[in-house]
């Protein structure tokens, strides 16, 4: 069962706190341990109320509510609207597929399909090995973010830590590896949340979203071609930034809404 309301009492009252920003890349000797909270702050410090949250309790409650809702859906009767939908009427039939382009880890397939009305067409599908992303929370109402240049967008983005799966790699092991590589932190507790189809219209990529708590700092060790800045952001401010359109990365926007839903007790 979900925790009592008082377990998260005051979550919506988190006060602002300057973010912590540290920069490193994988050049020899350039690895830096995460600065303590408050270091390299970008603004004046405002007094906090002393409120702290228990992120492990928050994550556990999220899981309990999700499981309860899943059981409710499975055991309950479908609504009239749901009963009227027959997916078989819109399903396409895969007739064949061939590789049209192959890159270092992405491929593009040309897929022949038969449409529900019997017509034939071709879809181009980007094949992706899959990825993980991590919502990392501390006990003071902050979320761990990374800043990274994205060539496709030609600008630096603000995201939650993430990375692609290696062939045959377990998704939880991948999440722990990527969190450590990109931020230096290791998670005492790691919980699976949801799968996310990032671009279902043209790609089979699935990002597996985790929540990490009970964090221990360490040294970043990104790949040689990764240059990553790490930020601790106040969760309330971060959610406001998403709602103000200041964050554009899809997995990070989803993470913000999950955190906001948790803060409002689902």
Protein backbone atom coordinates (compact mmCIF):
# COMPACT_ATOMS: atom_id res chain seq x y z
CA UNK A 1 0.00 0.00 0.00
CA UNK A 2 1.12 3.58 -0.59
CA UNK A 3 2.62 5.49 2.31
CA UNK A 4 0.50 7.87 4.38
CA UNK A 5 0.19 11.46 3.23
CA UNK A 6 2.49 12.73 5.95
CA UNK A 7 5.42 10.74 4.49
CA UNK A 8 5.77 13.38 1.78
CA UNK A 9 4.36 16.30 3.70
CA UNK A 10 5.81 19.56 2.41
CA UNK A 11 7.30 18.18 -0.79
CA UNK A 12 5.68 20.98 -2.76
CA UNK A 13 7.36 23.54 -0.49
CA UNK A 14 10.95 22.81 -1.52
CA UNK A 15 12.72 26.13 -1.62
CA UNK A 16 15.14 27.23 -4.30
CA UNK A 17 18.78 26.26 -4.03
CA UNK A 18 21.58 27.17 -6.46
CA UNK A 19 22.62 24.34 -8.72
CA UNK A 20 26.04 22.73 -8.60
CA UNK A 21 27.87 22.55 -11.92
CA UNK A 22 31.11 20.66 -12.48
CA UNK A 23 32.81 19.98 -15.84
CA UNK A 24 35.02 17.11 -16.83
CA UNK A 25 35.99 15.02 -19.83
CA UNK A 26 37.92 11.83 -20.29
CA UNK A 27 41.35 13.30 -20.92
CA UNK A 28 44.03 11.83 -18.59
CA UNK A 29 44.10 13.67 -15.29
CA UNK A 30 40.93 15.56 -16.10
CA UNK A 31 38.57 13.39 -14.07
CA UNK A 32 37.15 15.31 -11.16
CA UNK A 33 35.23 14.19 -8.11
CA UNK A 34 31.84 15.81 -7.72
CA UNK A 35 31.87 19.06 -5.83
CA UNK A 36 29.86 19.12 -2.59
CA UNK A 37 26.42 20.65 -2.52
CA UNK A 38 26.60 24.44 -2.79
CA UNK A 39 30.00 24.51 -4.50
CA UNK A 40 30.32 26.43 -7.76
CA UNK A 41 26.88 27.87 -7.13
CA UNK A 42 25.41 30.10 -9.81
CA UNK A 43 23.41 32.45 -7.61
CA UNK A 44 22.87 33.76 -4.10
CA UNK A 45 21.83 31.18 -1.54
CA UNK A 46 18.36 31.56 -0.10
CA UNK A 47 17.64 30.01 3.31
CA UNK A 48 15.97 26.60 3.24
CA UNK A 49 13.21 25.46 5.51
CA UNK A 50 15.23 22.46 6.69
CA UNK A 51 12.85 20.16 4.85
CA UNK A 52 14.30 16.93 3.52
CA UNK A 53 12.68 14.12 1.62
CA UNK A 54 13.30 10.41 1.61
CA UNK A 55 13.80 9.59 -2.09
CA UNK A 56 13.74 5.86 -1.40
CA UNK A 57 10.29 6.24 0.16
CA UNK A 58 9.21 8.35 -2.83
CA UNK A 59 10.41 5.70 -5.29
CA UNK A 60 8.79 2.90 -3.29
CA UNK A 61 5.49 4.74 -3.21
CA UNK A 62 5.65 5.30 -6.95
CA UNK A 63 6.11 1.59 -7.52
CA UNK A 64 3.25 0.72 -5.15
CA UNK A 65 0.83 3.07 -6.89
CA UNK A 66 1.83 1.89 -10.36
CA UNK A 67 1.37 -1.75 -9.33
CA UNK A 68 -2.01 -1.01 -7.78
CA UNK A 69 -3.20 0.76 -10.92
CA UNK A 70 -1.92 -2.11 -13.07
CA UNK A 71 -3.85 -4.66 -11.02
CA UNK A 72 -6.93 -2.46 -11.18
CA UNK A 73 -6.72 -2.28 -14.97
CA UNK A 74 -6.18 -6.02 -15.33
CA UNK A 75 -9.01 -6.95 -12.97
CA UNK A 76 -11.58 -4.36 -14.00
CA UNK A 77 -13.92 -4.34 -16.96
CA UNK A 78 -12.90 -2.30 -19.98
CA UNK A 79 -14.64 1.02 -20.39
CA UNK A 80 -17.18 1.49 -23.16
CA UNK A 81 -14.66 3.57 -25.12
CA UNK A 82 -11.99 0.88 -24.80
CA UNK A 83 -14.45 -1.86 -25.74
CA UNK A 84 -15.22 -0.09 -29.01
CA UNK A 85 -11.56 -0.09 -30.14
CA UNK A 86 -10.40 -3.10 -32.16
CA UNK A 87 -6.67 -2.84 -32.84
CA UNK A 88 -6.96 -5.51 -35.52
CA UNK A 89 -8.65 -2.91 -37.70
CA UNK A 90 -5.49 -0.77 -37.84
CA UNK A 91 -2.74 -3.40 -37.71
CA UNK A 92 -0.31 -3.64 -40.62
CA UNK A 93 1.25 -6.88 -41.89
CA UNK A 94 5.04 -7.03 -42.29
CA UNK A 95 5.82 -8.55 -45.69
CA UNK A 96 9.61 -8.25 -45.68
CA UNK A 97 12.55 -6.11 -44.64
CA UNK A 98 16.04 -5.28 -45.89
CA UNK A 99 18.86 -3.12 -44.55
CA UNK A 100 19.07 0.16 -46.45
CA UNK A 101 21.92 1.74 -44.43
CA UNK A 102 24.26 0.65 -41.66
CA UNK A 103 26.20 2.90 -39.29
CA UNK A 104 28.41 2.32 -36.27
CA UNK A 105 25.47 1.32 -34.07
CA UNK A 106 22.33 2.41 -35.95
CA UNK A 107 20.83 0.79 -39.04
CA UNK A 108 17.96 1.83 -41.28
CA UNK A 109 15.68 -0.89 -42.63
CA UNK A 110 13.34 -0.63 -45.58
CA UNK A 111 10.22 -2.50 -44.47
CA UNK A 112 7.51 -3.66 -46.86
CA UNK A 113 4.07 -3.68 -45.23
CA UNK A 114 0.50 -4.38 -46.17
CA UNK A 115 -1.91 -1.75 -44.90
CA UNK A 116 -5.26 -2.65 -43.30
CA UNK A 117 -7.05 -1.81 -46.57
CA UNK A 118 -4.83 -4.22 -48.51
CA UNK A 119 -2.59 -1.62 -50.11
CA UNK A 120 1.19 -2.02 -49.93
CA UNK A 121 3.71 0.58 -48.83
CA UNK A 122 7.28 0.91 -47.53
CA UNK A 123 8.34 2.24 -44.13
CA UNK A 124 11.87 3.31 -43.24
CA UNK A 125 12.69 2.17 -39.70
CA UNK A 126 15.72 3.22 -37.64
CA UNK A 127 16.95 0.23 -35.64
CA UNK A 128 18.42 1.12 -32.25
CA UNK A 129 20.01 -1.20 -29.64
CA UNK A 130 18.01 0.37 -26.82
CA UNK A 131 19.06 2.64 -23.98
CA UNK A 132 18.62 3.51 -20.33
CA UNK A 133 18.02 6.79 -18.52
CA UNK A 134 18.24 7.53 -14.82
CA UNK A 135 16.27 9.85 -12.53
CA UNK A 136 18.84 10.34 -9.74
CA UNK A 137 17.51 12.05 -6.60
CA UNK A 138 19.23 13.04 -3.39
CA UNK A 139 17.61 13.53 0.02
CA UNK A 140 17.21 17.32 -0.23
CA UNK A 141 14.88 17.71 -3.18
CA UNK A 142 17.45 17.79 -5.98
CA UNK A 143 17.81 15.92 -9.28
CA UNK A 144 21.06 15.07 -11.04
CA UNK A 145 21.37 16.43 -14.60
CA UNK A 146 24.04 16.44 -17.30
CA UNK A 147 24.90 19.06 -19.90
CA UNK A 148 26.14 17.70 -23.22
CA UNK A 149 26.57 19.02 -26.77
CA UNK A 150 24.20 17.33 -29.21
CA UNK A 151 25.41 17.50 -32.79
CA UNK A 152 21.98 16.79 -34.26
CA UNK A 153 20.57 19.90 -32.53
CA UNK A 154 23.83 21.89 -32.75
CA UNK A 155 23.59 23.00 -29.13
CA UNK A 156 24.12 21.90 -25.54
CA UNK A 157 21.15 20.19 -23.91
CA UNK A 158 20.22 19.65 -20.27
CA UNK A 159 19.27 16.02 -19.66
CA UNK A 160 19.06 13.23 -17.12
CA UNK A 161 21.98 10.75 -17.36
CA UNK A 162 21.47 8.17 -20.11
CA UNK A 163 23.25 5.88 -22.52
CA UNK A 164 22.79 3.06 -25.00
CA UNK A 165 22.86 -0.63 -24.22
CA UNK A 166 25.86 -2.71 -25.20
CA UNK A 167 25.06 -5.98 -27.04
CA UNK A 168 23.63 -8.49 -24.54
CA UNK A 169 23.93 -6.08 -21.62
CA UNK A 170 21.42 -6.27 -18.75
CA UNK A 171 19.42 -3.04 -18.52
CA UNK A 172 20.03 -2.57 -14.78
CA UNK A 173 23.76 -3.10 -15.19
CA UNK A 174 23.70 -0.59 -18.04
CA UNK A 175 21.89 1.97 -15.86
CA UNK A 176 24.46 1.60 -13.09
CA UNK A 177 27.32 1.85 -15.59
CA UNK A 178 25.99 4.94 -17.34
CA UNK A 179 25.24 6.75 -14.07
CA UNK A 180 28.77 6.11 -12.87
CA UNK A 181 30.44 6.98 -16.18
CA UNK A 182 28.57 10.22 -16.77
CA UNK A 183 28.26 11.57 -13.23
CA UNK A 184 30.62 9.61 -10.96
CA UNK A 185 27.73 8.62 -8.70
CA UNK A 186 26.73 5.08 -7.75
CA UNK A 187 23.22 4.19 -6.61
CA UNK A 188 22.53 2.27 -3.41
CA UNK A 189 19.00 1.66 -4.69
CA UNK A 190 17.95 1.42 -8.32
CA UNK A 191 14.31 0.86 -9.30
CA UNK A 192 12.90 0.22 -12.75
CA UNK A 193 10.11 2.63 -13.69
CA UNK A 194 8.85 2.47 -17.28
CA UNK A 195 9.87 1.80 -20.89
CA UNK A 196 9.71 4.78 -23.26
CA UNK A 197 9.35 4.50 -27.05
CA UNK A 198 11.15 7.68 -28.04
CA UNK A 199 10.12 7.91 -31.71
CA UNK A 200 7.61 5.15 -32.49
CA UNK A 201 6.81 6.65 -35.87
CA UNK A 202 10.21 5.76 -37.32
CA UNK A 203 12.39 4.00 -34.75
CA UNK A 204 12.26 0.91 -32.53
CA UNK A 205 14.33 2.58 -29.79
CA UNK A 206 13.16 1.86 -26.24
CA UNK A 207 14.63 3.80 -23.32
CA UNK A 208 14.31 2.02 -19.98
CA UNK A 209 13.78 4.59 -17.24
CA UNK A 210 15.16 3.98 -13.74
CA UNK A 211 15.09 5.87 -10.46
CA UNK A 212 18.34 6.00 -8.49
CA UNK A 213 18.56 6.91 -4.79
CA UNK A 214 21.02 6.55 -1.90
CA UNK A 215 23.76 8.04 -4.07
CA UNK A 216 27.49 7.88 -3.35
CA UNK A 217 29.80 10.35 -5.15
CA UNK A 218 32.88 9.30 -7.10
CA UNK A 219 34.85 10.19 -10.20
CA UNK A 220 33.38 10.53 -13.65
CA UNK A 221 34.86 8.31 -16.35
CA UNK A 222 33.01 9.09 -19.60
CA UNK A 223 33.94 7.71 -22.98
CA UNK A 224 36.83 9.41 -24.75
CA UNK A 225 34.45 11.30 -27.05
CA UNK A 226 32.10 12.43 -24.27
CA UNK A 227 32.39 15.86 -22.63
CA UNK A 228 29.85 16.17 -19.85
CA UNK A 229 29.04 18.82 -17.23
CA UNK A 230 27.13 17.66 -14.15
CA UNK A 231 24.50 19.73 -12.33
CA UNK A 232 22.50 19.24 -9.17
CA UNK A 233 19.23 21.10 -9.78
CA UNK A 234 16.44 21.90 -7.36
CA UNK A 235 13.63 19.58 -8.42
CA UNK A 236 10.90 22.21 -8.15
CA UNK A 237 12.89 24.66 -10.27
CA UNK A 238 13.67 21.93 -12.78
CA UNK A 239 9.99 21.03 -13.21
CA UNK A 240 9.20 24.72 -13.71
CA UNK A 241 11.93 24.94 -16.36
CA UNK A 242 10.31 22.04 -18.22
CA UNK A 243 6.88 23.69 -18.07
CA UNK A 244 8.45 26.95 -19.28
CA UNK A 245 9.87 25.20 -22.35
CA UNK A 246 13.50 25.49 -21.24
CA UNK A 247 14.10 21.71 -21.47
CA UNK A 248 13.57 19.97 -24.81
CA UNK A 249 14.95 16.46 -24.35
CA UNK A 250 11.99 14.05 -24.36
CA UNK A 251 13.23 11.53 -21.78
CA UNK A 252 14.10 14.39 -19.42
CA UNK A 253 10.67 15.96 -19.82
CA UNK A 254 9.09 12.59 -18.99
CA UNK A 255 11.35 12.35 -15.93
CA UNK A 256 10.21 15.77 -14.76
CA UNK A 257 6.54 14.86 -15.03
CA UNK A 258 7.12 11.59 -13.16
CA UNK A 259 8.82 13.49 -10.35
CA UNK A 260 6.03 16.05 -10.31
CA UNK A 261 3.41 13.28 -10.13
CA UNK A 262 5.27 11.65 -7.26
CA UNK A 263 5.51 14.98 -5.42
CA UNK A 264 1.75 15.37 -5.73
CA UNK A 265 1.22 11.83 -4.41
CA UNK A 266 -0.25 10.45 -7.69
